[in-house]
Structure formats: structure tokens, C-alpha cells
Amino acid sequence: MGNSGAIAFSYGVGFSYAYSLRTGRFVSEKKAIASKALEFINDGDTIFLEAGTTILYLAKIFPLKKVTVVTNSIDIVNELSNHPT
């Protein structure tokens, strides 16, 4: 059984760290994933950024491209609200 994120149904009910705690875990890995994801974002794209802690790191380094972002995360909205494009 894992200690964070999604838990396979076959394991039954499990434990998941609070969002605020997950944000600070595995930071270097999350930043690496976010940096790699940038390679797939192009001008004119419409993308959905889900409310995950890894995706928040992507929002923090969002490229200066004209992209439409749809999200269910108030943290990502706050992060991107002053983005110039």
C-alpha cells in the first residue's frame, strides 16, 4: 500500500497525505516531471491542469506561450493569474 496519491482499489481503504504535506514531498522529482512536460506545451494549445501537487510545479514554471488553461485547482489559478500570456 502506498503512502501518497491514488491507491489501487485492490488494497482497500488506505492512507493519503494531506495536499499541503504532499506539496513538499519529492520536490526534485516533481520539478523534473514539470520541466519535461513543458516540452509538450505549444502556442495555441488548450490544456487541462488537474489539481495535483506535481502539476502545481508545472504552473510555477509555465512557459511564455499563449495557451488556454482549464483547471480544477484554485492553487493553479492563483499561480497563473498574473501570468503575462
C-alpha atoms as a PDB file:
ATOM      1  CA  MET A   1       0.000   0.000   0.000  1.00  0.00           C
ATOM      2  CA  GLY A   2       1.380   3.431  -0.976  1.00  0.00           C
ATOM      3  CA  ASN A   3       1.505   6.449   1.265  1.00  0.00           C
ATOM      4  CA  SER A   4       0.517   9.160  -1.175  1.00  0.00           C
ATOM      5  CA  GLY A   5      -1.697   9.830  -4.156  1.00  0.00           C
ATOM      6  CA  ALA A   6      -4.065   7.270  -5.647  1.00  0.00           C
ATOM      7  CA  ILE A   7      -4.376   3.889  -4.014  1.00  0.00           C
ATOM      8  CA  ALA A   8      -5.319   0.777  -6.004  1.00  0.00           C
ATOM      9  CA  PHE A   9      -8.815  -0.488  -5.178  1.00  0.00           C
ATOM     10  CA  SER A  10      -7.500  -3.972  -4.511  1.00  0.00           C
ATOM     11  CA  TYR A  11      -5.751  -2.646  -1.410  1.00  0.00           C
ATOM     12  CA  GLY A  12      -8.977  -1.279   0.072  1.00  0.00           C
ATOM     13  CA  VAL A  13      -9.034   1.904   2.071  1.00  0.00           C
ATOM     14  CA  GLY A  14      -5.600   3.403   2.548  1.00  0.00           C
ATOM     15  CA  PHE A  15      -3.798   6.443   3.831  1.00  0.00           C
ATOM     16  CA  SER A  16      -3.040   9.516   1.742  1.00  0.00           C
ATOM     17  CA  TYR A  17      -1.063  12.524   2.950  1.00  0.00           C
ATOM     18  CA  ALA A  18      -2.816  15.882   3.029  1.00  0.00           C
ATOM     19  CA  TYR A  19      -2.342  18.059  -0.044  1.00  0.00           C
ATOM     20  CA  SER A  20      -0.310  20.606   1.931  1.00  0.00           C
ATOM     21  CA  LEU A  21       2.123  17.884   3.020  1.00  0.00           C
ATOM     22  CA  ARG A  22       2.374  16.289  -0.442  1.00  0.00           C
ATOM     23  CA  THR A  23       3.408  19.621  -1.992  1.00  0.00           C
ATOM     24  CA  GLY A  24       6.743  19.463  -0.180  1.00  0.00           C
ATOM     25  CA  ARG A  25       7.493  15.779  -0.840  1.00  0.00           C
ATOM     26  CA  PHE A  26       9.672  14.605  -3.736  1.00  0.00           C
ATOM     27  CA  VAL A  27      10.236  18.192  -4.894  1.00  0.00           C
ATOM     28  CA  SER A  28      13.177  17.473  -7.215  1.00  0.00           C
ATOM     29  CA  GLU A  29      11.225  14.699  -8.945  1.00  0.00           C
ATOM     30  CA  LYS A  30       8.162  16.920  -9.354  1.00  0.00           C
ATOM     31  CA  LYS A  31      10.281  19.714 -10.821  1.00  0.00           C
ATOM     32  CA  ALA A  32      11.877  17.260 -13.270  1.00  0.00           C
ATOM     33  CA  ILE A  33       8.464  15.985 -14.386  1.00  0.00           C
ATOM     34  CA  ALA A  34       7.201  19.565 -14.774  1.00  0.00           C
ATOM     35  CA  SER A  35      10.234  20.540 -16.862  1.00  0.00           C
ATOM     36  CA  LYS A  36       9.723  17.547 -19.153  1.00  0.00           C
ATOM     37  CA  ALA A  37       6.009  18.345 -19.520  1.00  0.00           C
ATOM     38  CA  LEU A  38       6.888  21.814 -20.829  1.00  0.00           C
ATOM     39  CA  GLU A  39       8.244  20.183 -23.980  1.00  0.00           C
ATOM     40  CA  PHE A  40       4.690  19.147 -24.914  1.00  0.00           C
ATOM     41  CA  ILE A  41       3.036  22.569 -24.497  1.00  0.00           C
ATOM     42  CA  ASN A  42       2.831  24.657 -27.658  1.00  0.00           C
ATOM     43  CA  ASP A  43       1.431  28.062 -28.603  1.00  0.00           C
ATOM     44  CA  GLY A  44      -2.297  27.842 -29.185  1.00  0.00           C
ATOM     45  CA  ASP A  45      -2.806  24.703 -27.111  1.00  0.00           C
ATOM     46  CA  THR A  46      -5.712  24.221 -24.736  1.00  0.00           C
ATOM     47  CA  ILE A  47      -4.677  22.086 -21.775  1.00  0.00           C
ATOM     48  CA  PHE A  48      -6.237  20.779 -18.568  1.00  0.00           C
ATOM     49  CA  LEU A  49      -4.117  21.006 -15.425  1.00  0.00           C
ATOM     50  CA  GLU A  50      -5.606  18.792 -12.724  1.00  0.00           C
ATOM     51  CA  ALA A  51      -5.340  19.620  -9.034  1.00  0.00           C
ATOM     52  CA  GLY A  52      -2.188  17.676  -8.252  1.00  0.00           C
ATOM     53  CA  THR A  53       0.939  18.747  -6.441  1.00  0.00           C
ATOM     54  CA  THR A  54       3.214  17.842  -9.355  1.00  0.00           C
ATOM     55  CA  ILE A  55       1.078  19.912 -11.712  1.00  0.00           C
ATOM     56  CA  LEU A  56       1.402  22.879  -9.356  1.00  0.00           C
ATOM     57  CA  TYR A  57       5.148  22.820 -10.046  1.00  0.00           C
ATOM     58  CA  LEU A  58       4.354  22.962 -13.763  1.00  0.00           C
ATOM     59  CA  ALA A  59       2.195  26.044 -13.184  1.00  0.00           C
ATOM     60  CA  LYS A  60       5.088  27.673 -11.319  1.00  0.00           C
ATOM     61  CA  ILE A  61       7.369  27.387 -14.375  1.00  0.00           C
ATOM     62  CA  PHE A  62       4.700  27.864 -17.022  1.00  0.00           C
ATOM     63  CA  PRO A  63       6.154  28.974 -20.375  1.00  0.00           C
ATOM     64  CA  LEU A  64       5.632  32.332 -22.009  1.00  0.00           C
ATOM     65  CA  LYS A  65       3.304  30.885 -24.622  1.00  0.00           C
ATOM     66  CA  LYS A  66      -0.285  31.706 -25.498  1.00  0.00           C
ATOM     67  CA  VAL A  67      -2.103  28.731 -24.013  1.00  0.00           C
ATOM     68  CA  THR A  68      -5.637  28.284 -22.718  1.00  0.00           C
ATOM     69  CA  VAL A  69      -5.584  26.515 -19.356  1.00  0.00           C
ATOM     70  CA  VAL A  70      -8.569  24.741 -17.810  1.00  0.00           C
ATOM     71  CA  THR A  71      -8.128  23.617 -14.205  1.00  0.00           C
ATOM     72  CA  ASN A  72      -9.998  22.476 -11.131  1.00  0.00           C
ATOM     73  CA  SER A  73      -7.297  23.829  -8.811  1.00  0.00           C
ATOM     74  CA  ILE A  74      -7.520  27.157  -7.035  1.00  0.00           C
ATOM     75  CA  ASP A  75      -3.759  26.930  -6.372  1.00  0.00           C
ATOM     76  CA  ILE A  76      -3.057  26.719 -10.106  1.00  0.00           C
ATOM     77  CA  VAL A  77      -5.479  29.570 -10.795  1.00  0.00           C
ATOM     78  CA  ASN A  78      -3.623  31.677  -8.238  1.00  0.00           C
ATOM     79  CA  GLU A  79      -0.258  30.686  -9.714  1.00  0.00           C
ATOM     80  CA  LEU A  80      -1.280  31.573 -13.272  1.00  0.00           C
ATOM     81  CA  SER A  81      -3.457  34.607 -12.511  1.00  0.00           C
ATOM     82  CA  ASN A  82      -0.619  37.069 -13.127  1.00  0.00           C
ATOM     83  CA  HIS A  83       0.929  35.158 -15.998  1.00  0.00           C
ATOM     84  CA  PRO A  84       1.535  37.581 -18.878  1.00  0.00           C
ATOM     85  CA  THR A  85       0.092  35.327 -21.623  1.00  0.00           C
END
